[in-house]
Amino acid sequence: MKPIIEGTRISVEFILDLLASEVSEEEILDDYPHLAKEDIRACLR
């Protein structure tokens, strides 16, 4: 089972793939408004 962001069905791997594809934090937050900047940054730890 892949690690997911708490309270969502979004995997950490998915967020890392978006960031690796040069999708910005702001674009991710626009597309997934239920996420917080802290959620994205936690994926990088």
PDB file of N, CA and C in Angstrom:
ATOM      1  N   MET A   1       0.843  -1.180   0.000  1.00  0.00           N
ATOM      2  CA  MET A   1       0.000   0.000   0.000  1.00  0.00           C
ATOM      3  C   MET A   1       0.889   1.245   0.000  1.00  0.00           C
ATOM      4  N   LYS A   2       0.557   2.191  -0.854  1.00  0.00           N
ATOM      5  CA  LYS A   2       1.344   3.419  -0.968  1.00  0.00           C
ATOM      6  C   LYS A   2       0.961   4.401   0.137  1.00  0.00           C
ATOM      7  N   PRO A   3       1.936   5.169   0.610  1.00  0.00           N
ATOM      8  CA  PRO A   3       1.611   6.216   1.589  1.00  0.00           C
ATOM      9  C   PRO A   3       0.702   7.263   0.943  1.00  0.00           C
ATOM     10  N   ILE A   4      -0.292   7.706   1.702  1.00  0.00           N
ATOM     11  CA  ILE A   4      -1.203   8.732   1.204  1.00  0.00           C
ATOM     12  C   ILE A   4      -1.181   9.938   2.136  1.00  0.00           C
ATOM     13  N   ILE A   5      -1.647  11.056   1.614  1.00  0.00           N
ATOM     14  CA  ILE A   5      -1.772  12.257   2.433  1.00  0.00           C
ATOM     15  C   ILE A   5      -2.974  12.051   3.350  1.00  0.00           C
ATOM     16  N   GLU A   6      -2.757  12.240   4.630  1.00  0.00           N
ATOM     17  CA  GLU A   6      -3.800  11.993   5.629  1.00  0.00           C
ATOM     18  C   GLU A   6      -5.088  12.727   5.280  1.00  0.00           C
ATOM     19  N   GLY A   7      -6.199  12.008   5.370  1.00  0.00           N
ATOM     20  CA  GLY A   7      -7.508  12.595   5.111  1.00  0.00           C
ATOM     21  C   GLY A   7      -7.864  12.689   3.640  1.00  0.00           C
ATOM     22  N   THR A   8      -7.019  12.122   2.775  1.00  0.00           N
ATOM     23  CA  THR A   8      -7.274  12.147   1.329  1.00  0.00           C
ATOM     24  C   THR A   8      -7.036  10.759   0.756  1.00  0.00           C
ATOM     25  N   ARG A   9      -7.253  10.646  -0.531  1.00  0.00           N
ATOM     26  CA  ARG A   9      -6.892   9.425  -1.256  1.00  0.00           C
ATOM     27  C   ARG A   9      -5.723   9.697  -2.195  1.00  0.00           C
ATOM     28  N   ILE A  10      -5.046  10.809  -1.976  1.00  0.00           N
ATOM     29  CA  ILE A  10      -3.941  11.220  -2.845  1.00  0.00           C
ATOM     30  C   ILE A  10      -2.640  10.640  -2.306  1.00  0.00           C
ATOM     31  N   SER A  11      -1.937   9.928  -3.185  1.00  0.00           N
ATOM     32  CA  SER A  11      -0.686   9.306  -2.745  1.00  0.00           C
ATOM     33  C   SER A  11       0.460  10.313  -2.758  1.00  0.00           C
ATOM     34  N   VAL A  12       1.403  10.068  -1.874  1.00  0.00           N
ATOM     35  CA  VAL A  12       2.625  10.867  -1.837  1.00  0.00           C
ATOM     36  C   VAL A  12       3.333  10.742  -3.185  1.00  0.00           C
ATOM     37  N   GLU A  13       3.357   9.539  -3.733  1.00  0.00           N
ATOM     38  CA  GLU A  13       4.003   9.305  -5.026  1.00  0.00           C
ATOM     39  C   GLU A  13       3.395  10.186  -6.121  1.00  0.00           C
ATOM     40  N   PHE A  14       2.071  10.348  -6.125  1.00  0.00           N
ATOM     41  CA  PHE A  14       1.398  11.182  -7.117  1.00  0.00           C
ATOM     42  C   PHE A  14       1.877  12.631  -7.025  1.00  0.00           C
ATOM     43  N   ILE A  15       1.947  13.154  -5.811  1.00  0.00           N
ATOM     44  CA  ILE A  15       2.408  14.534  -5.612  1.00  0.00           C
ATOM     45  C   ILE A  15       3.860  14.674  -6.054  1.00  0.00           C
ATOM     46  N   LEU A  16       4.700  13.708  -5.705  1.00  0.00           N
ATOM     47  CA  LEU A  16       6.105  13.762  -6.115  1.00  0.00           C
ATOM     48  C   LEU A  16       6.236  13.698  -7.637  1.00  0.00           C
ATOM     49  N   ASP A  17       5.398  12.897  -8.288  1.00  0.00           N
ATOM     50  CA  ASP A  17       5.406  12.827  -9.754  1.00  0.00           C
ATOM     51  C   ASP A  17       5.013  14.168 -10.368  1.00  0.00           C
ATOM     52  N   LEU A  18       4.009  14.822  -9.786  1.00  0.00           N
ATOM     53  CA  LEU A  18       3.607  16.141 -10.285  1.00  0.00           C
ATOM     54  C   LEU A  18       4.759  17.136 -10.149  1.00  0.00           C
ATOM     55  N   LEU A  19       5.384  17.160  -8.985  1.00  0.00           N
ATOM     56  CA  LEU A  19       6.495  18.085  -8.760  1.00  0.00           C
ATOM     57  C   LEU A  19       7.661  17.785  -9.697  1.00  0.00           C
ATOM     58  N   ALA A  20       7.928  16.512  -9.945  1.00  0.00           N
ATOM     59  CA  ALA A  20       9.008  16.121 -10.860  1.00  0.00           C
ATOM     60  C   ALA A  20       8.695  16.531 -12.295  1.00  0.00           C
ATOM     61  N   SER A  21       7.402  16.656 -12.599  1.00  0.00           N
ATOM     62  CA  SER A  21       6.975  17.080 -13.939  1.00  0.00           C
ATOM     63  C   SER A  21       6.880  18.598 -14.042  1.00  0.00           C
ATOM     64  N   GLU A  22       7.449  19.270 -13.049  1.00  0.00           N
ATOM     65  CA  GLU A  22       7.504  20.733 -13.004  1.00  0.00           C
ATOM     66  C   GLU A  22       6.146  21.402 -12.820  1.00  0.00           C
ATOM     67  N   VAL A  23       5.210  20.687 -12.182  1.00  0.00           N
ATOM     68  CA  VAL A  23       3.953  21.301 -11.773  1.00  0.00           C
ATOM     69  C   VAL A  23       4.248  22.020 -10.462  1.00  0.00           C
ATOM     70  N   SER A  24       3.873  23.283 -10.375  1.00  0.00           N
ATOM     71  CA  SER A  24       4.202  24.070  -9.184  1.00  0.00           C
ATOM     72  C   SER A  24       3.278  23.731  -8.013  1.00  0.00           C
ATOM     73  N   GLU A  25       3.736  24.089  -6.821  1.00  0.00           N
ATOM     74  CA  GLU A  25       2.898  23.922  -5.625  1.00  0.00           C
ATOM     75  C   GLU A  25       1.571  24.639  -5.809  1.00  0.00           C
ATOM     76  N   GLU A  26       1.625  25.845  -6.354  1.00  0.00           N
ATOM     77  CA  GLU A  26       0.406  26.639  -6.539  1.00  0.00           C
ATOM     78  C   GLU A  26      -0.570  25.952  -7.489  1.00  0.00           C
ATOM     79  N   GLU A  27      -0.061  25.356  -8.563  1.00  0.00           N
ATOM     80  CA  GLU A  27      -0.928  24.637  -9.502  1.00  0.00           C
ATOM     81  C   GLU A  27      -1.575  23.429  -8.829  1.00  0.00           C
ATOM     82  N   ILE A  28      -0.803  22.721  -8.022  1.00  0.00           N
ATOM     83  CA  ILE A  28      -1.348  21.569  -7.303  1.00  0.00           C
ATOM     84  C   ILE A  28      -2.446  22.031  -6.352  1.00  0.00           C
ATOM     85  N   LEU A  29      -2.194  23.110  -5.628  1.00  0.00           N
ATOM     86  CA  LEU A  29      -3.188  23.627  -4.690  1.00  0.00           C
ATOM     87  C   LEU A  29      -4.438  24.118  -5.410  1.00  0.00           C
ATOM     88  N   ASP A  30      -4.277  24.683  -6.603  1.00  0.00           N
ATOM     89  CA  ASP A  30      -5.437  25.109  -7.392  1.00  0.00           C
ATOM     90  C   ASP A  30      -6.266  23.907  -7.836  1.00  0.00           C
ATOM     91  N   ASP A  31      -5.579  22.835  -8.243  1.00  0.00           N
ATOM     92  CA  ASP A  31      -6.267  21.636  -8.733  1.00  0.00           C
ATOM     93  C   ASP A  31      -6.836  20.780  -7.602  1.00  0.00           C
ATOM     94  N   TYR A  32      -6.220  20.854  -6.437  1.00  0.00           N
ATOM     95  CA  TYR A  32      -6.633  20.052  -5.279  1.00  0.00           C
ATOM     96  C   TYR A  32      -6.783  20.981  -4.075  1.00  0.00           C
ATOM     97  N   PRO A  33      -7.851  21.786  -4.055  1.00  0.00           N
ATOM     98  CA  PRO A  33      -7.991  22.826  -3.027  1.00  0.00           C
ATOM     99  C   PRO A  33      -8.114  22.299  -1.598  1.00  0.00           C
ATOM    100  N   HIS A  34      -8.392  21.010  -1.440  1.00  0.00           N
ATOM    101  CA  HIS A  34      -8.485  20.450  -0.088  1.00  0.00           C
ATOM    102  C   HIS A  34      -7.103  20.150   0.497  1.00  0.00           C
ATOM    103  N   LEU A  35      -6.047  20.323  -0.307  1.00  0.00           N
ATOM    104  CA  LEU A  35      -4.686  20.155   0.194  1.00  0.00           C
ATOM    105  C   LEU A  35      -4.153  21.485   0.708  1.00  0.00           C
ATOM    106  N   ALA A  36      -3.207  21.403   1.609  1.00  0.00           N
ATOM    107  CA  ALA A  36      -2.520  22.590   2.122  1.00  0.00           C
ATOM    108  C   ALA A  36      -1.057  22.529   1.696  1.00  0.00           C
ATOM    109  N   LYS A  37      -0.398  23.688   1.704  1.00  0.00           N
ATOM    110  CA  LYS A  37       1.036  23.716   1.373  1.00  0.00           C
ATOM    111  C   LYS A  37       1.811  22.735   2.243  1.00  0.00           C
ATOM    112  N   GLU A  38       1.408  22.637   3.502  1.00  0.00           N
ATOM    113  CA  GLU A  38       2.089  21.733   4.432  1.00  0.00           C
ATOM    114  C   GLU A  38       1.981  20.280   3.968  1.00  0.00           C
ATOM    115  N   ASP A  39       0.854  19.916   3.342  1.00  0.00           N
ATOM    116  CA  ASP A  39       0.687  18.552   2.829  1.00  0.00           C
ATOM    117  C   ASP A  39       1.708  18.266   1.733  1.00  0.00           C
ATOM    118  N   ILE A  40       1.886  19.227   0.848  1.00  0.00           N
ATOM    119  CA  ILE A  40       2.831  19.052  -0.258  1.00  0.00           C
ATOM    120  C   ILE A  40       4.257  18.985   0.282  1.00  0.00           C
ATOM    121  N   ARG A  41       4.575  19.877   1.191  1.00  0.00           N
ATOM    122  CA  ARG A  41       5.937  19.896   1.751  1.00  0.00           C
ATOM    123  C   ARG A  41       6.236  18.639   2.562  1.00  0.00           C
ATOM    124  N   ALA A  42       5.215  18.075   3.199  1.00  0.00           N
ATOM    125  CA  ALA A  42       5.411  16.836   3.956  1.00  0.00           C
ATOM    126  C   ALA A  42       5.779  15.682   3.026  1.00  0.00           C
ATOM    127  N   CYS A  43       5.326  15.740   1.784  1.00  0.00           N
ATOM    128  CA  CYS A  43       5.669  14.697   0.807  1.00  0.00           C
ATOM    129  C   CYS A  43       7.162  14.709   0.488  1.00  0.00           C
ATOM    130  N   LEU A  44       7.804  15.839   0.681  1.00  0.00           N
ATOM    131  CA  LEU A  44       9.224  15.984   0.357  1.00  0.00           C
ATOM    132  C   LEU A  44      10.139  15.544   1.499  1.00  0.00           C
ATOM    133  N   ARG A  45       9.563  15.264   2.642  1.00  0.00           N
ATOM    134  CA  ARG A  45      10.377  14.849   3.797  1.00  0.00           C
ATOM    135  C   ARG A  45      10.602  13.370   3.814  1.00  0.00           C
TER     136      ARG A  45
END
